[in-house]
């Protein structure tokens, strides 16, 4: 059994893919960034008058990406505590890891998800963080 998950509670994907897929007892989320649902604004981004990105607030982006993950989990019948694996991509690992790690500890307190954090050169949109998650569906959502 496989179900495609799409929700207006999270920002629209930037490509031809769903927010998530439910396969058996697992929910696989596509990469989730910190864009705001509806507007696609990126919290904390600072732009020059000519539109160039000149800075960003990693804390604002972390909080938004966690909210987006939560919205997709709920749309798929899962909850935050159902997360079993989280891969995090940061575009500036040396600069942003301490803030991200502090917020991760705050949001994931009591959640025993495995985690991998990777520093990368860029993401497809001007964001500094993206999460790729897998959740184990609770019994009531498996039907």
N, C-alpha and C. Protein backbone atom coordinates (compact mmCIF):
# COMPACT_ATOMS: atom_id res chain seq x y z
N UNK A 1 0.84 -1.18 0.00
CA UNK A 1 0.00 0.00 0.00
C UNK A 1 0.88 1.25 0.00
N UNK A 2 0.55 2.21 -0.82
CA UNK A 2 1.29 3.46 -0.90
C UNK A 2 0.31 4.59 -1.14
N UNK A 3 0.41 5.63 -0.34
CA UNK A 3 -0.44 6.80 -0.48
C UNK A 3 0.42 8.03 -0.62
N UNK A 4 0.03 8.92 -1.50
CA UNK A 4 0.70 10.19 -1.68
C UNK A 4 0.08 11.22 -0.74
N UNK A 5 0.91 12.01 -0.06
CA UNK A 5 0.44 13.01 0.89
C UNK A 5 0.78 14.39 0.34
N UNK A 6 -0.25 15.23 0.28
CA UNK A 6 -0.08 16.64 -0.08
C UNK A 6 -0.92 17.45 0.91
N UNK A 7 -0.41 18.63 1.31
CA UNK A 7 -1.15 19.44 2.26
C UNK A 7 -0.91 20.92 2.02
N UNK A 8 -1.95 21.72 2.20
CA UNK A 8 -1.81 23.18 2.12
C UNK A 8 -1.21 23.76 3.39
N UNK A 9 -1.07 22.94 4.43
CA UNK A 9 -0.51 23.40 5.70
C UNK A 9 1.01 23.54 5.64
N UNK A 10 1.62 23.06 4.57
CA UNK A 10 3.06 23.18 4.36
C UNK A 10 3.29 23.88 3.02
N UNK A 11 4.47 24.47 2.83
CA UNK A 11 4.73 25.12 1.54
C UNK A 11 4.70 24.10 0.40
N UNK A 12 4.27 24.55 -0.76
CA UNK A 12 4.23 23.67 -1.93
C UNK A 12 5.63 23.19 -2.27
N UNK A 13 5.78 21.94 -2.68
CA UNK A 13 7.09 21.46 -3.14
C UNK A 13 7.60 22.32 -4.30
N UNK A 14 8.93 22.44 -4.41
CA UNK A 14 9.50 23.26 -5.48
C UNK A 14 9.71 22.46 -6.77
N UNK A 15 9.24 21.22 -6.78
CA UNK A 15 9.35 20.38 -7.96
C UNK A 15 8.17 19.44 -8.07
N UNK A 16 8.29 18.49 -8.96
CA UNK A 16 7.21 17.54 -9.22
C UNK A 16 7.32 16.34 -8.29
N UNK A 17 7.01 16.56 -7.03
CA UNK A 17 7.04 15.49 -6.02
C UNK A 17 6.05 15.83 -4.91
N UNK A 18 5.59 14.82 -4.16
CA UNK A 18 4.63 15.07 -3.08
C UNK A 18 5.35 15.50 -1.80
N UNK A 19 4.58 15.95 -0.84
CA UNK A 19 5.14 16.24 0.48
C UNK A 19 5.66 14.97 1.14
N UNK A 20 4.92 13.88 0.95
CA UNK A 20 5.31 12.61 1.58
C UNK A 20 4.64 11.44 0.88
N UNK A 21 5.13 10.24 1.18
CA UNK A 21 4.51 9.00 0.71
C UNK A 21 4.41 8.06 1.89
N UNK A 22 3.25 7.47 2.02
CA UNK A 22 3.03 6.45 3.04
C UNK A 22 3.20 5.10 2.36
N UNK A 23 4.13 4.29 2.87
CA UNK A 23 4.39 2.96 2.33
C UNK A 23 4.40 2.00 3.52
N UNK A 24 3.41 1.13 3.56
CA UNK A 24 3.29 0.21 4.69
C UNK A 24 3.14 0.99 5.99
N UNK A 25 4.02 0.71 6.94
CA UNK A 25 3.96 1.34 8.25
C UNK A 25 4.85 2.58 8.35
N UNK A 26 5.39 3.02 7.22
CA UNK A 26 6.32 4.15 7.24
C UNK A 26 5.80 5.33 6.43
N UNK A 27 6.17 6.52 6.88
CA UNK A 27 5.86 7.76 6.17
C UNK A 27 7.19 8.40 5.80
N UNK A 28 7.44 8.55 4.49
CA UNK A 28 8.68 9.14 3.98
C UNK A 28 8.39 10.57 3.54
N UNK A 29 9.02 11.55 4.16
CA UNK A 29 8.85 12.94 3.78
C UNK A 29 9.87 13.32 2.72
N UNK A 30 9.44 14.07 1.73
CA UNK A 30 10.39 14.67 0.79
C UNK A 30 11.18 15.72 1.55
N UNK A 31 12.25 16.23 0.96
CA UNK A 31 13.02 17.28 1.62
C UNK A 31 12.13 18.46 1.96
N UNK A 32 12.23 18.93 3.20
CA UNK A 32 11.37 20.01 3.70
C UNK A 32 12.26 21.20 4.05
N UNK A 33 11.93 22.35 3.47
CA UNK A 33 12.66 23.57 3.77
C UNK A 33 11.85 24.51 4.63
N UNK A 34 12.40 25.70 4.91
CA UNK A 34 11.75 26.64 5.82
C UNK A 34 10.85 27.69 5.16
N UNK A 35 10.42 27.44 3.93
CA UNK A 35 9.51 28.41 3.32
C UNK A 35 8.17 28.42 4.07
N UNK A 36 7.52 29.57 4.10
CA UNK A 36 6.24 29.69 4.79
C UNK A 36 5.11 29.23 3.87
N UNK A 37 4.17 28.44 4.43
CA UNK A 37 3.02 28.02 3.61
C UNK A 37 2.25 29.23 3.08
N UNK A 38 1.80 29.13 1.87
CA UNK A 38 1.01 30.21 1.28
C UNK A 38 1.84 31.25 0.57
N UNK A 39 2.77 31.87 1.26
CA UNK A 39 3.55 32.96 0.67
C UNK A 39 4.88 32.50 0.07
N UNK A 40 5.40 31.38 0.54
CA UNK A 40 6.72 30.89 0.16
C UNK A 40 7.86 31.80 0.62
N UNK A 41 7.54 32.79 1.49
CA UNK A 41 8.59 33.63 2.06
C UNK A 41 9.52 32.77 2.90
N UNK A 42 10.79 33.16 2.96
CA UNK A 42 11.77 32.42 3.74
C UNK A 42 12.11 33.25 4.98
N UNK A 43 11.69 32.79 6.15
CA UNK A 43 11.92 33.56 7.37
C UNK A 43 13.41 33.82 7.59
N UNK A 44 13.73 35.03 7.99
CA UNK A 44 15.09 35.37 8.34
C UNK A 44 16.00 35.75 7.19
N UNK A 45 15.55 35.59 5.94
CA UNK A 45 16.40 35.99 4.83
C UNK A 45 16.44 37.51 4.73
N UNK A 46 17.64 38.04 4.48
CA UNK A 46 17.85 39.48 4.33
C UNK A 46 18.34 39.73 2.91
N UNK A 47 17.70 40.66 2.24
CA UNK A 47 18.05 40.95 0.84
C UNK A 47 18.48 42.39 0.67
N UNK A 48 19.44 42.61 -0.22
CA UNK A 48 19.85 43.97 -0.60
C UNK A 48 18.76 44.57 -1.49
N UNK A 49 18.87 45.85 -1.76
CA UNK A 49 17.88 46.54 -2.59
C UNK A 49 17.76 45.91 -3.98
N UNK A 50 18.83 45.32 -4.48
CA UNK A 50 18.79 44.70 -5.81
C UNK A 50 18.29 43.25 -5.78
N UNK A 51 17.89 42.77 -4.59
CA UNK A 51 17.33 41.43 -4.46
C UNK A 51 18.32 40.35 -4.06
N UNK A 52 19.63 40.68 -4.05
CA UNK A 52 20.63 39.69 -3.64
C UNK A 52 20.45 39.31 -2.17
N UNK A 53 20.62 38.03 -1.89
CA UNK A 53 20.59 37.56 -0.51
C UNK A 53 21.86 38.00 0.19
N UNK A 54 21.74 38.73 1.31
CA UNK A 54 22.91 39.23 2.01
C UNK A 54 23.09 38.58 3.38
N UNK A 55 22.08 37.86 3.85
CA UNK A 55 22.21 37.21 5.15
C UNK A 55 20.95 36.43 5.46
N UNK A 56 21.02 35.68 6.56
CA UNK A 56 19.86 34.90 6.99
C UNK A 56 19.96 34.63 8.48
N UNK A 57 18.84 34.28 9.07
CA UNK A 57 18.73 33.95 10.48
C UNK A 57 18.45 32.45 10.57
N UNK A 58 19.46 31.68 10.96
CA UNK A 58 19.30 30.22 11.00
C UNK A 58 18.25 29.82 12.04
N UNK A 59 18.13 30.55 13.12
CA UNK A 59 17.12 30.19 14.12
C UNK A 59 15.71 30.30 13.54
N UNK A 60 15.43 31.37 12.83
CA UNK A 60 14.12 31.54 12.21
C UNK A 60 13.86 30.43 11.20
N UNK A 61 14.87 30.07 10.43
CA UNK A 61 14.69 29.01 9.44
C UNK A 61 14.50 27.65 10.10
N UNK A 62 15.23 27.38 11.18
CA UNK A 62 15.04 26.11 11.89
C UNK A 62 13.62 25.99 12.43
N UNK A 63 13.15 27.03 13.07
CA UNK A 63 11.80 26.99 13.65
C UNK A 63 10.74 26.76 12.56
N UNK A 64 10.91 27.39 11.41
CA UNK A 64 9.94 27.22 10.33
C UNK A 64 10.01 25.83 9.72
N UNK A 65 11.22 25.31 9.52
CA UNK A 65 11.33 23.98 8.93
C UNK A 65 10.74 22.93 9.87
N UNK A 66 10.92 23.10 11.18
CA UNK A 66 10.32 22.15 12.12
C UNK A 66 8.80 22.25 12.07
N UNK A 67 8.26 23.44 11.94
CA UNK A 67 6.79 23.60 11.82
C UNK A 67 6.29 22.94 10.53
N UNK A 68 7.04 23.08 9.45
CA UNK A 68 6.63 22.47 8.18
C UNK A 68 6.66 20.94 8.27
N UNK A 69 7.67 20.39 8.90
CA UNK A 69 7.75 18.93 9.07
C UNK A 69 6.54 18.46 9.88
N UNK A 70 6.24 19.16 10.95
CA UNK A 70 5.10 18.79 11.80
C UNK A 70 3.80 18.79 10.99
N UNK A 71 3.60 19.79 10.15
CA UNK A 71 2.37 19.88 9.34
C UNK A 71 2.27 18.70 8.38
N UNK A 72 3.38 18.31 7.78
CA UNK A 72 3.35 17.18 6.84
C UNK A 72 3.13 15.87 7.58
N UNK A 73 3.77 15.71 8.72
CA UNK A 73 3.54 14.51 9.53
C UNK A 73 2.06 14.37 9.86
N UNK A 74 1.45 15.45 10.32
CA UNK A 74 0.03 15.41 10.70
C UNK A 74 -0.85 15.09 9.50
N UNK A 75 -0.52 15.65 8.34
CA UNK A 75 -1.30 15.36 7.13
C UNK A 75 -1.20 13.89 6.74
N UNK A 76 -0.09 13.26 7.11
CA UNK A 76 0.12 11.85 6.79
C UNK A 76 -0.32 10.90 7.88
N UNK A 77 -0.92 11.44 8.95
CA UNK A 77 -1.41 10.58 10.03
C UNK A 77 -0.38 10.26 11.10
N UNK A 78 0.72 10.98 11.11
CA UNK A 78 1.78 10.75 12.09
C UNK A 78 1.93 11.99 12.99
N UNK A 79 2.76 11.85 13.99
CA UNK A 79 3.04 12.95 14.92
C UNK A 79 4.55 13.09 15.08
N UNK A 80 4.96 14.18 15.70
CA UNK A 80 6.37 14.48 15.92
C UNK A 80 7.09 13.31 16.59
N UNK A 81 6.47 12.71 17.57
CA UNK A 81 7.10 11.60 18.31
C UNK A 81 7.22 10.33 17.48
N UNK A 82 6.60 10.28 16.31
CA UNK A 82 6.68 9.11 15.44
C UNK A 82 7.93 9.14 14.55
N UNK A 83 8.68 10.23 14.56
CA UNK A 83 9.88 10.31 13.73
C UNK A 83 10.89 9.26 14.17
N UNK A 84 11.47 8.56 13.19
CA UNK A 84 12.49 7.56 13.49
C UNK A 84 13.84 7.88 12.84
N UNK A 85 13.85 8.73 11.83
CA UNK A 85 15.09 9.07 11.16
C UNK A 85 15.00 10.48 10.59
N UNK A 86 16.00 11.30 10.87
CA UNK A 86 16.04 12.68 10.39
C UNK A 86 17.42 12.95 9.79
N UNK A 87 17.43 13.38 8.54
CA UNK A 87 18.67 13.83 7.90
C UNK A 87 18.54 15.33 7.71
N UNK A 88 19.56 16.04 8.16
CA UNK A 88 19.55 17.51 8.13
C UNK A 88 20.67 17.99 7.22
N UNK A 89 20.33 18.89 6.32
CA UNK A 89 21.30 19.49 5.41
C UNK A 89 21.46 20.96 5.79
N UNK A 90 22.69 21.38 6.09
CA UNK A 90 23.00 22.78 6.41
C UNK A 90 23.97 23.31 5.36
N UNK A 91 23.69 24.51 4.86
CA UNK A 91 24.58 25.08 3.83
C UNK A 91 25.83 25.72 4.42
N UNK A 92 25.83 26.00 5.72
CA UNK A 92 27.03 26.54 6.38
C UNK A 92 27.16 25.86 7.74
N UNK A 93 27.64 24.64 7.71
CA UNK A 93 27.74 23.82 8.92
C UNK A 93 28.56 24.49 10.02
N UNK A 94 29.75 25.03 9.74
CA UNK A 94 30.52 25.65 10.82
C UNK A 94 29.80 26.83 11.47
N UNK A 95 29.12 27.63 10.69
CA UNK A 95 28.43 28.81 11.21
C UNK A 95 27.15 28.45 11.95
N UNK A 96 26.39 27.49 11.44
CA UNK A 96 25.02 27.27 11.90
C UNK A 96 24.80 26.08 12.83
N UNK A 97 25.79 25.19 12.94
CA UNK A 97 25.54 23.95 13.68
C UNK A 97 25.16 24.19 15.13
N UNK A 98 25.82 25.07 15.84
CA UNK A 98 25.54 25.26 17.27
C UNK A 98 24.10 25.71 17.50
N UNK A 99 23.62 26.67 16.71
CA UNK A 99 22.24 27.15 16.87
C UNK A 99 21.26 26.05 16.50
N UNK A 100 21.49 25.42 15.36
CA UNK A 100 20.62 24.32 14.93
C UNK A 100 20.59 23.22 15.98
N UNK A 101 21.75 22.83 16.51
CA UNK A 101 21.83 21.73 17.46
C UNK A 101 21.07 22.07 18.75
N UNK A 102 21.16 23.33 19.20
CA UNK A 102 20.42 23.78 20.39
C UNK A 102 18.92 23.68 20.14
N UNK A 103 18.46 24.15 18.98
CA UNK A 103 17.03 24.10 18.67
C UNK A 103 16.56 22.67 18.45
N UNK A 104 17.39 21.85 17.85
CA UNK A 104 17.05 20.44 17.66
C UNK A 104 16.81 19.79 19.02
N UNK A 105 17.70 20.05 19.98
CA UNK A 105 17.55 19.48 21.32
C UNK A 105 16.25 19.96 21.96
N UNK A 106 15.87 21.21 21.72
CA UNK A 106 14.62 21.76 22.26
C UNK A 106 13.40 21.07 21.63
N UNK A 107 13.37 20.99 20.33
CA UNK A 107 12.21 20.44 19.61
C UNK A 107 12.12 18.92 19.71
N UNK A 108 13.26 18.25 19.80
CA UNK A 108 13.28 16.80 19.77
C UNK A 108 13.46 16.17 21.15
N UNK A 109 13.30 16.93 22.21
CA UNK A 109 13.39 16.38 23.56
C UNK A 109 12.40 15.22 23.69
N UNK A 110 12.88 14.05 24.08
CA UNK A 110 12.02 12.89 24.25
C UNK A 110 11.75 12.11 22.97
N UNK A 111 12.26 12.58 21.84
CA UNK A 111 12.08 11.87 20.57
C UNK A 111 13.38 11.13 20.27
N UNK A 112 13.30 9.83 20.12
CA UNK A 112 14.51 9.03 19.92
C UNK A 112 14.76 8.74 18.44
N UNK A 113 14.64 9.75 17.61
CA UNK A 113 14.91 9.58 16.17
C UNK A 113 16.42 9.54 15.93
N UNK A 114 16.83 8.71 15.00
CA UNK A 114 18.22 8.73 14.54
C UNK A 114 18.42 10.05 13.78
N UNK A 115 19.65 10.55 13.76
CA UNK A 115 19.89 11.82 13.09
C UNK A 115 21.24 11.81 12.39
N UNK A 116 21.24 12.39 11.20
CA UNK A 116 22.46 12.64 10.46
C UNK A 116 22.44 14.10 10.04
N UNK A 117 23.55 14.80 10.24
CA UNK A 117 23.65 16.21 9.83
C UNK A 117 24.79 16.33 8.84
N UNK A 118 24.50 16.95 7.70
CA UNK A 118 25.46 17.04 6.61
C UNK A 118 25.63 18.50 6.20
N UNK A 119 26.85 18.92 6.01
CA UNK A 119 27.13 20.23 5.45
C UNK A 119 27.20 20.12 3.94
N UNK A 120 26.48 21.00 3.24
CA UNK A 120 26.44 20.97 1.78
C UNK A 120 26.68 22.37 1.22
N UNK A 121 26.98 22.45 -0.06
CA UNK A 121 27.30 23.73 -0.68
C UNK A 121 26.11 24.61 -0.99
N UNK A 122 24.97 24.02 -1.30
CA UNK A 122 23.80 24.81 -1.67
C UNK A 122 22.56 23.93 -1.67
N UNK A 123 21.41 24.58 -1.62
CA UNK A 123 20.11 23.94 -1.78
C UNK A 123 19.42 24.61 -2.96
N UNK A 124 18.35 24.01 -3.50
CA UNK A 124 17.74 24.54 -4.73
C UNK A 124 17.12 25.94 -4.62
N UNK A 125 16.80 26.37 -3.42
CA UNK A 125 16.27 27.72 -3.20
C UNK A 125 17.17 28.38 -2.15
N UNK A 126 17.06 29.69 -1.92
CA UNK A 126 17.97 30.36 -0.98
C UNK A 126 17.61 30.08 0.49
N UNK A 127 17.75 28.82 0.87
CA UNK A 127 17.50 28.41 2.25
C UNK A 127 18.79 27.85 2.82
N UNK A 128 18.89 27.84 4.15
CA UNK A 128 20.11 27.39 4.81
C UNK A 128 19.97 26.01 5.43
N UNK A 129 18.74 25.47 5.47
CA UNK A 129 18.50 24.18 6.10
C UNK A 129 17.39 23.44 5.37
N UNK A 130 17.52 22.12 5.32
CA UNK A 130 16.47 21.26 4.78
C UNK A 130 16.49 19.95 5.57
N UNK A 131 15.32 19.39 5.84
CA UNK A 131 15.22 18.12 6.55
C UNK A 131 14.60 17.05 5.67
N UNK A 132 15.09 15.84 5.80
CA UNK A 132 14.54 14.65 5.15
C UNK A 132 14.21 13.70 6.28
N UNK A 133 12.94 13.30 6.40
CA UNK A 133 12.48 12.56 7.58
C UNK A 133 11.73 11.29 7.21
N UNK A 134 11.78 10.33 8.14
CA UNK A 134 10.99 9.11 8.06
C UNK A 134 10.31 8.93 9.41
N UNK A 135 9.02 8.60 9.37
CA UNK A 135 8.26 8.35 10.59
C UNK A 135 7.64 6.96 10.53
N UNK A 136 7.51 6.34 11.69
CA UNK A 136 6.79 5.07 11.82
C UNK A 136 5.36 5.41 12.20
N UNK A 137 4.42 5.00 11.37
CA UNK A 137 3.03 5.37 11.61
C UNK A 137 2.47 4.67 12.84
N UNK A 138 1.70 5.40 13.64
CA UNK A 138 1.04 4.75 14.78
C UNK A 138 -0.02 3.77 14.28
N UNK A 139 -0.41 2.85 15.13
CA UNK A 139 -1.34 1.78 14.75
C UNK A 139 -2.61 2.32 14.11
N UNK A 140 -3.17 3.41 14.64
CA UNK A 140 -4.44 3.92 14.11
C UNK A 140 -4.31 4.49 12.69
N UNK A 141 -3.10 4.85 12.28
CA UNK A 141 -2.89 5.45 10.95
C UNK A 141 -2.46 4.43 9.90
N UNK A 142 -2.29 3.18 10.29
CA UNK A 142 -1.76 2.15 9.38
C UNK A 142 -2.82 1.54 8.48
N UNK A 143 -4.07 1.79 8.73
CA UNK A 143 -5.13 1.13 7.98
C UNK A 143 -5.38 1.75 6.64
